[in-house]
Protein backbone atom coordinates (compact mmCIF):
# COMPACT_ATOMS: atom_id res chain seq x y z
CA MET A 1 2.18 7.37 23.74
CA LYS A 2 -1.01 8.12 21.40
CA HIS A 3 -2.61 11.49 20.93
CA THR A 4 -5.95 12.46 19.62
CA THR A 5 -7.15 16.11 18.17
CA ARG A 6 -10.55 16.77 17.72
CA ILE A 7 -11.04 17.43 14.09
CA SER A 8 -12.29 20.86 12.77
CA ARG A 9 -15.81 21.93 12.03
CA ARG A 10 -15.03 21.96 8.01
CA GLN A 11 -13.62 18.26 8.44
CA LEU A 12 -16.49 17.23 10.40
CA LEU A 13 -18.82 18.34 7.44
CA GLU A 14 -16.56 16.65 5.09
CA LEU A 15 -16.95 13.48 6.93
CA VAL A 16 -20.75 14.17 7.03
CA THR A 17 -20.40 14.73 3.00
CA ALA A 18 -18.43 11.39 2.75
CA PHE A 19 -21.05 9.75 4.80
CA SER A 20 -23.80 10.89 2.62
CA ALA A 21 -21.85 10.04 -0.56
CA GLY A 22 -21.41 6.41 0.70
CA LEU A 23 -17.80 6.40 1.54
CA MET A 24 -18.38 5.88 5.17
CA LEU A 25 -19.47 2.81 6.79
CA PRO A 26 -22.83 2.49 8.45
CA GLY A 27 -22.40 2.56 12.16
CA THR A 28 -19.80 5.34 12.23
CA THR A 29 -20.68 7.75 14.67
CA VAL A 30 -19.74 11.53 15.71
CA ALA A 31 -18.02 9.86 18.73
CA ALA A 32 -15.51 8.33 16.25
CA THR A 33 -14.72 11.74 14.63
CA SER A 34 -11.90 12.24 16.77
CA GLN A 35 -8.63 12.21 14.55
CA ILE A 36 -5.67 10.24 16.03
CA ARG A 37 -2.39 11.67 15.50
CA LYS A 38 0.98 10.66 16.86
CA ALA A 39 3.83 12.88 17.60
CA ILE A 40 7.22 12.63 15.53
CA PRO A 41 9.49 11.79 18.54
CA LYS A 42 12.42 14.24 17.32
CA THR A 43 10.33 17.51 17.09
CA GLY A 44 6.89 16.75 18.42
CA GLU A 45 5.10 17.38 14.96
CA GLN A 46 1.68 15.51 14.90
CA LEU A 47 1.04 13.27 12.22
CA PRO A 48 -2.29 11.42 11.16
CA VAL A 49 -1.67 8.00 11.99
CA ILE A 50 -3.03 6.81 8.50
CA GLY A 51 -1.02 7.80 5.38
CA MET A 52 -1.22 6.75 2.01
CA GLY A 53 1.33 4.42 0.04
CA THR A 54 1.63 4.43 -3.76
CA SER A 55 3.63 0.97 -4.68
CA ARG A 56 1.73 -0.49 -7.39
CA THR A 57 -1.36 1.62 -7.00
CA PHE A 58 0.03 4.81 -8.65
CA ASP A 59 1.86 3.45 -11.17
CA ALA A 60 -0.61 4.69 -13.87
CA SER A 61 1.10 6.94 -16.44
CA GLY A 62 -0.90 6.70 -19.67
CA ASP A 63 -4.09 5.14 -18.08
CA ASP A 64 -6.54 7.76 -18.04
CA GLU A 65 -9.21 6.11 -16.78
CA LEU A 66 -7.16 4.85 -13.59
CA ILE A 67 -5.69 8.57 -13.24
CA ALA A 68 -9.25 10.04 -12.78
CA GLU A 69 -10.27 7.42 -10.27
CA LEU A 70 -6.70 8.00 -8.39
CA HIS A 71 -7.64 11.94 -8.51
CA LYS A 72 -10.73 10.74 -6.44
CA VAL A 73 -8.90 8.86 -4.29
CA MET A 74 -6.36 11.50 -3.49
CA GLN A 75 -9.14 13.78 -2.89
CA THR A 76 -11.05 11.69 -0.36
CA PHE A 77 -7.49 11.14 1.39
CA PHE A 78 -7.20 15.09 2.05
CA ASP A 79 -10.82 15.82 2.47
CA MET A 80 -10.64 13.19 5.22
CA GLY A 81 -7.70 15.08 6.87
CA GLY A 82 -4.86 12.64 5.31
CA GLY A 83 -1.01 13.90 5.83
CA MET A 84 1.83 11.53 4.68
CA ILE A 85 1.95 10.35 1.03
CA ASP A 86 4.79 7.99 0.33
CA SER A 87 6.64 7.16 -2.72
CA SER A 88 9.68 5.88 -4.47
CA PRO A 89 11.54 6.05 -7.86
CA MET A 90 11.15 2.31 -7.35
CA TYR A 91 7.41 2.52 -7.78
CA GLY A 92 7.64 3.08 -11.64
CA SER A 93 5.47 6.28 -12.75
CA ALA A 94 3.80 6.72 -9.19
CA GLN A 95 5.79 9.81 -8.61
CA GLN A 96 4.87 11.61 -12.04
CA VAL A 97 1.45 10.72 -11.48
CA ILE A 98 1.29 12.22 -7.90
CA GLY A 99 2.82 15.49 -9.40
CA GLN A 100 0.11 15.27 -12.13
CA LEU A 101 -2.70 15.11 -9.76
CA LEU A 102 -1.60 17.48 -6.81
CA PRO A 103 -2.36 20.66 -8.51
CA GLY A 104 -5.88 19.62 -9.00
CA VAL A 105 -6.83 18.43 -5.51
CA LYS A 106 -8.08 20.65 -2.99
CA ASN A 107 -7.49 20.73 0.76
CA ARG A 108 -3.87 19.56 0.06
CA GLN A 109 -2.27 22.04 2.41
CA SER A 110 -1.80 19.08 5.04
CA LEU A 111 0.61 17.15 2.88
CA PHE A 112 3.35 15.49 4.16
CA ALA A 113 5.60 14.43 1.24
CA ALA A 114 7.87 11.41 1.65
CA THR A 115 10.01 9.60 -0.75
CA LYS A 116 13.14 7.65 -1.09
CA VAL A 117 16.60 7.53 -2.50
CA TRP A 118 17.07 3.99 -4.28
CA THR A 119 20.64 4.12 -6.40
CA GLU A 120 24.17 3.71 -5.74
CA GLY A 121 26.50 6.54 -5.77
CA ARG A 122 26.63 9.78 -4.10
CA GLN A 123 25.86 12.31 -7.25
CA ALA A 124 23.55 9.69 -8.79
CA GLY A 125 21.64 10.07 -5.36
CA ILE A 126 21.39 13.56 -5.55
CA ASP A 127 20.23 13.63 -9.11
CA GLN A 128 17.52 11.04 -8.41
CA MET A 129 16.17 12.96 -5.48
CA GLU A 130 15.91 16.39 -7.45
CA GLU A 131 14.21 14.47 -10.12
CA SER A 132 11.79 13.06 -7.79
CA ARG A 133 11.06 16.71 -6.47
CA LYS A 134 10.38 17.92 -9.81
CA GLN A 135 8.06 15.03 -10.44
CA TRP A 136 6.16 16.02 -7.38
CA GLY A 137 6.05 19.55 -8.25
CA ILE A 138 7.12 20.80 -4.77
CA ARG A 139 9.51 22.97 -2.90
CA ARG A 140 11.21 20.20 -0.73
CA PHE A 141 10.44 16.83 0.77
CA ASP A 142 9.26 16.52 4.33
CA LEU A 143 10.84 13.04 4.51
CA MET A 144 13.70 11.77 2.28
CA GLN A 145 14.55 7.81 2.91
CA ILE A 146 16.99 5.51 2.03
CA HIS A 147 15.16 2.75 0.02
CA ASN A 148 15.97 -0.74 1.58
CA LEU A 149 19.52 0.47 2.74
CA VAL A 150 20.68 0.80 -0.80
CA ASP A 151 24.08 2.35 -0.46
CA TRP A 152 22.84 3.69 2.83
CA LYS A 153 26.03 5.02 4.33
CA THR A 154 26.72 7.37 1.38
CA HIS A 155 23.24 8.51 1.08
CA LEU A 156 23.06 9.27 4.83
CA GLU A 157 25.71 12.02 4.50
CA THR A 158 24.11 13.45 1.75
CA LEU A 159 20.74 13.58 3.64
CA GLN A 160 22.47 14.93 6.68
CA GLN A 161 24.02 17.96 4.40
CA MET A 162 20.61 18.29 2.71
CA LYS A 163 18.72 18.67 6.11
CA ALA A 164 21.32 21.20 7.28
CA ASP A 165 20.74 23.10 4.21
CA ASN A 166 16.84 23.17 4.99
CA LYS A 167 16.37 21.09 1.57
CA ILE A 168 14.52 18.33 3.46
CA ARG A 169 13.04 18.12 6.95
CA TYR A 170 13.50 14.64 8.25
CA ILE A 171 15.93 11.73 7.40
CA GLY A 172 14.47 8.05 7.19
CA ILE A 173 15.81 4.71 6.14
CA THR A 174 13.62 1.90 5.09
CA THR A 175 13.23 -1.79 4.86
CA SER A 176 10.19 -4.16 3.89
CA HIS A 177 9.08 -7.73 4.26
CA GLY A 178 11.66 -9.06 6.66
CA ARG A 179 14.84 -7.87 4.56
CA SER A 180 18.32 -7.02 6.14
CA HIS A 181 16.77 -6.69 9.91
CA ASP A 182 20.37 -6.98 11.50
CA VAL A 183 21.78 -4.27 9.41
CA LEU A 184 18.97 -2.02 9.96
CA SER A 185 19.09 -2.52 13.47
CA ASP A 186 22.80 -1.52 13.54
CA ALA A 187 22.26 1.46 11.53
CA LEU A 188 19.46 2.75 14.05
CA ARG A 189 21.75 2.09 17.01
CA LYS A 190 24.56 3.98 15.63
CA HIS A 191 23.01 6.71 13.56
CA ALA A 192 20.60 9.83 14.03
CA PHE A 193 17.52 8.80 11.91
CA ASP A 194 14.20 10.53 12.18
CA PHE A 195 12.20 8.08 10.57
CA VAL A 196 12.38 4.37 9.90
CA GLN A 197 10.09 2.46 7.59
CA LEU A 198 9.49 -1.52 7.84
CA SER A 199 6.82 -3.90 7.29
CA TYR A 200 4.51 -4.97 10.37
CA ASN A 201 0.88 -6.25 10.32
CA ILE A 202 -1.17 -8.64 13.06
CA ALA A 203 0.12 -11.54 11.01
CA ASP A 204 3.94 -10.59 10.70
CA ARG A 205 4.96 -9.22 14.27
CA GLU A 206 8.88 -10.09 13.60
CA VAL A 207 9.67 -6.48 14.10
CA GLU A 208 8.45 -5.80 17.21
CA SER A 209 11.69 -6.90 19.07
CA PRO A 210 14.39 -5.73 18.60
CA LEU A 211 13.59 -3.09 15.66
CA LEU A 212 10.27 -1.44 17.17
CA THR A 213 12.01 -1.43 20.45
CA ILE A 214 14.95 0.26 19.16
CA ALA A 215 13.03 2.92 17.51
CA ARG A 216 11.13 3.86 20.79
CA ASP A 217 14.25 3.71 22.82
CA LYS A 218 16.27 6.19 20.31
CA GLY A 219 13.23 8.56 19.55
CA ILE A 220 12.69 7.37 15.99
CA ALA A 221 9.46 7.83 14.23
CA VAL A 222 8.02 4.66 12.49
CA ILE A 223 5.92 4.35 9.37
CA ILE A 224 4.62 0.90 8.61
CA ASN A 225 4.28 -0.43 5.18
CA ARG A 226 2.30 -3.76 4.19
CA PRO A 227 -0.06 -3.41 6.97
CA TYR A 228 -2.44 -5.67 5.07
CA GLN A 229 0.30 -8.20 4.16
CA ARG A 230 -0.28 -7.30 0.51
CA GLY A 231 -4.00 -8.64 0.77
CA ASP A 232 -3.42 -11.71 2.36
CA LEU A 233 -4.89 -10.77 5.78
CA PHE A 234 -8.32 -10.41 4.10
CA LYS A 235 -8.02 -13.95 2.79
CA HIS A 236 -7.68 -15.05 6.31
CA VAL A 237 -10.78 -13.59 7.36
CA LYS A 238 -12.90 -13.88 4.42
CA GLY A 239 -16.40 -14.66 5.34
CA LYS A 240 -15.68 -14.30 9.28
CA PRO A 241 -17.57 -11.70 11.21
CA LEU A 242 -15.96 -8.68 13.26
CA PRO A 243 -16.14 -9.26 16.66
CA ALA A 244 -18.94 -7.35 18.34
CA TRP A 245 -16.25 -5.64 20.92
CA ALA A 246 -14.68 -4.10 17.60
CA GLN A 247 -17.22 -1.28 18.35
CA ASP A 248 -15.31 -0.49 21.33
CA ILE A 249 -12.67 0.72 19.31
CA ASP A 250 -14.57 2.51 16.62
CA CYS A 251 -13.77 -0.40 14.22
CA ASN A 252 -16.35 -1.25 11.55
CA SER A 253 -14.50 -3.39 9.02
CA TRP A 254 -11.48 -5.75 9.05
CA GLY A 255 -9.37 -3.48 7.16
CA GLN A 256 -9.87 -0.99 10.18
CA PHE A 257 -9.33 -3.80 12.79
CA PHE A 258 -6.05 -4.53 10.86
CA LEU A 259 -4.85 -1.02 10.65
CA LYS A 260 -5.91 -0.10 14.08
CA PHE A 261 -3.88 -3.08 15.66
CA VAL A 262 -0.83 -1.66 13.85
CA VAL A 263 -0.86 1.98 14.88
CA SER A 264 -1.85 1.19 18.41
CA HIS A 265 1.81 -0.17 18.88
CA PRO A 266 3.34 2.47 21.04
CA ALA A 267 6.60 2.65 18.87
CA VAL A 268 4.49 3.02 15.59
CA THR A 269 3.62 6.74 14.23
CA CYS A 270 1.74 5.90 11.33
CA ALA A 271 0.83 3.11 8.34
CA ILE A 272 0.71 3.62 4.79
CA PRO A 273 -1.63 1.35 3.23
CA ALA A 274 -1.93 1.62 -0.54
CA THR A 275 -5.24 1.53 -2.62
CA SER A 276 -6.68 2.67 -5.93
CA LYS A 277 -10.33 2.54 -4.94
CA VAL A 278 -12.00 5.44 -3.18
CA LYS A 279 -14.24 3.20 -0.91
CA HIS A 280 -10.91 1.43 0.37
CA MET A 281 -9.39 4.86 0.88
CA ALA A 282 -12.39 6.14 2.95
CA ASP A 283 -12.22 2.92 4.78
CA ASN A 284 -8.40 3.00 5.54
CA LEU A 285 -8.76 6.64 6.84
CA GLN A 286 -11.67 5.92 9.08
CA ALA A 287 -8.90 3.78 10.97
CA GLY A 288 -7.52 7.06 12.04
CA PHE A 289 -10.57 8.40 13.82
CA GLY A 290 -11.84 7.43 17.17
CA ARG A 291 -10.54 5.23 20.04
CA LEU A 292 -7.37 2.86 19.54
CA PRO A 293 -7.03 -0.37 21.37
CA THR A 294 -5.33 -0.68 24.75
CA GLU A 295 -2.69 -3.22 25.40
CA LYS A 296 -5.49 -5.53 26.75
CA GLN A 297 -7.48 -4.92 23.81
CA ARG A 298 -4.56 -5.50 21.14
CA ALA A 299 -4.01 -9.09 22.71
CA GLN A 300 -7.92 -9.65 22.43
CA MET A 301 -7.51 -8.92 18.87
CA LEU A 302 -4.36 -10.94 18.20
CA SER A 303 -6.23 -13.92 19.95
CA TYR A 304 -9.48 -13.49 17.84
CA PHE A 305 -7.43 -13.38 14.71
CA GLU A 306 -5.38 -16.10 15.40
CA ALA A 307 -8.37 -18.50 16.57
CA LEU A 308 -9.85 -17.99 12.88
């Protein structure tokens, strides 16, 4: 079930400012300034449907020029109402860069901080999570996820205790590009996870059954990685026009088309596209405003894409 929330006067002014700065696409209207949020099933807490990933893009330690650009990217994210930032120790210096940038960013009170534990062994996991917290420079993470199911049974016990001790708010588990779906399905059925993260896009819909079905039935929030299939979707549509009816879902670019398809799935809570460019960040976030496609419109989007 999708939820929409009318944005505040401050956020609307920021959107107008972004438009003036050339960050919003022509054709965006006031009718499209209703931010789309969905509820985390276990608590009802609302999250913007478009978050931000940091894989590859934020691995920028020592590159002053790129870090300056990433500061603008992160500022745009928060100025346009962004919430979830997702990272991992797997992503090189990404967490260090996040921690370097956050103190200098305005409007960051909406941050929903999500990272992962990616190691073997109980104590190694505890140490890694504490190092991540220090790198981000935050009191606690909103969401801690077990990355790609690495030693997941061991870490699950640790995370359950951390949640009980109020050291984290939510527990999650992840996979990507089709790995270990059988193991993940079994884990979701048997254990009380709050979140699951996996790969899903208009060209790769394998997880619709059974994973998204399990998540919906069990009340597990779903985070989508690789919503652009690491850019391959744009190659598929290069030089092709958006359908005229895309305006019916407040969609002004192929990026928004792909993201709206993903987050309109009833089981999906949010998507986390990654970028190091301000223009792309603004375009991504615009997919989180206005109308989402209905089930009938999703079928229309899929048919149009597959016919190209």
